[in-house]
Amino acid sequence: MTESEHGRYWFCVKHHRVEGPDGCPPIDRLGPYATEEEASRALEKAAERNEAWDNDPNWNDPKE
């Protein structure tokens, strides 16, 4: 049984597709994710996290 059959998926930012463990090199991938569906939302999830971090008062200097 391969790793992808155990629920290991990555999102390739170079090709904009979900891949299994034999996909592109790690520098081009986000993950791993448990499901293909979760991996397919990788860019959306990253944007949500960036937005949250950008607006986190614990990580932002006060604006003058």
Protein backbone atom coordinates (compact mmCIF):
# COMPACT_ATOMS: atom_id res chain seq x y z
CA MET A 1 0.00 0.00 0.00
CA THR A 2 1.43 3.41 -0.98
CA GLU A 3 1.61 6.45 1.28
CA SER A 4 -1.14 8.17 -0.75
CA GLU A 5 -3.42 5.22 0.00
CA HIS A 6 -2.77 5.97 3.68
CA GLY A 7 -4.03 9.53 3.14
CA ARG A 8 -0.87 11.45 2.22
CA TYR A 9 -1.48 14.13 -0.42
CA TRP A 10 0.32 17.31 -1.41
CA PHE A 11 -0.59 20.32 -3.51
CA CYS A 12 1.95 21.17 -6.20
CA VAL A 13 2.25 24.96 -6.52
CA LYS A 14 4.13 24.57 -9.81
CA HIS A 15 1.43 22.54 -11.58
CA HIS A 16 -1.58 23.54 -9.41
CA ARG A 17 -2.69 19.98 -8.78
CA VAL A 18 -2.93 17.41 -6.01
CA GLU A 19 -0.15 14.82 -5.98
CA GLY A 20 0.79 11.70 -4.09
CA PRO A 21 4.20 10.99 -2.54
CA ASP A 22 5.86 10.47 -5.93
CA GLY A 23 5.01 13.95 -7.17
CA CYS A 24 7.15 17.03 -7.58
CA PRO A 25 10.04 17.88 -5.22
CA PRO A 26 9.13 19.21 -1.75
CA ILE A 27 10.16 22.76 -2.69
CA ASP A 28 7.17 22.87 -5.06
CA ARG A 29 4.58 21.34 -2.73
CA LEU A 30 2.37 22.22 0.22
CA GLY A 31 1.40 19.50 2.63
CA PRO A 32 1.05 16.73 3.46
CA TYR A 33 -2.70 16.62 3.80
CA ALA A 34 -4.89 13.73 4.92
CA THR A 35 -7.26 13.81 1.93
CA GLU A 36 -7.22 14.86 -1.72
CA GLU A 37 -9.98 17.35 -0.98
CA GLU A 38 -7.98 18.98 1.79
CA ALA A 39 -4.90 19.17 -0.47
CA SER A 40 -6.99 20.76 -3.24
CA ARG A 41 -7.78 23.64 -0.85
CA ALA A 42 -4.11 24.24 0.06
CA LEU A 43 -3.83 27.69 -1.54
CA GLU A 44 -7.15 28.79 -0.08
CA LYS A 45 -6.10 27.58 3.38
CA ALA A 46 -2.74 29.36 3.08
CA ALA A 47 -4.51 32.60 2.14
CA GLU A 48 -6.84 32.25 5.15
CA ARG A 49 -3.90 31.70 7.48
CA ASN A 50 -1.98 34.65 6.03
CA GLU A 51 -5.02 36.88 6.53
CA ALA A 52 -5.36 35.73 10.14
CA TRP A 53 -1.67 36.31 10.83
CA ASP A 54 -1.74 39.72 9.14
CA ASN A 55 -4.55 40.76 11.48
CA ASP A 56 -3.21 39.16 14.68
CA PRO A 57 -2.45 41.96 17.15
CA ASN A 58 0.09 39.74 18.93
CA TRP A 59 2.26 39.65 15.79
CA ASN A 60 1.84 43.18 14.44
CA ASP A 61 3.53 46.38 15.50
CA PRO A 62 1.18 49.26 16.19
CA LYS A 63 0.68 51.46 13.17
CA GLU A 64 1.70 55.05 13.61
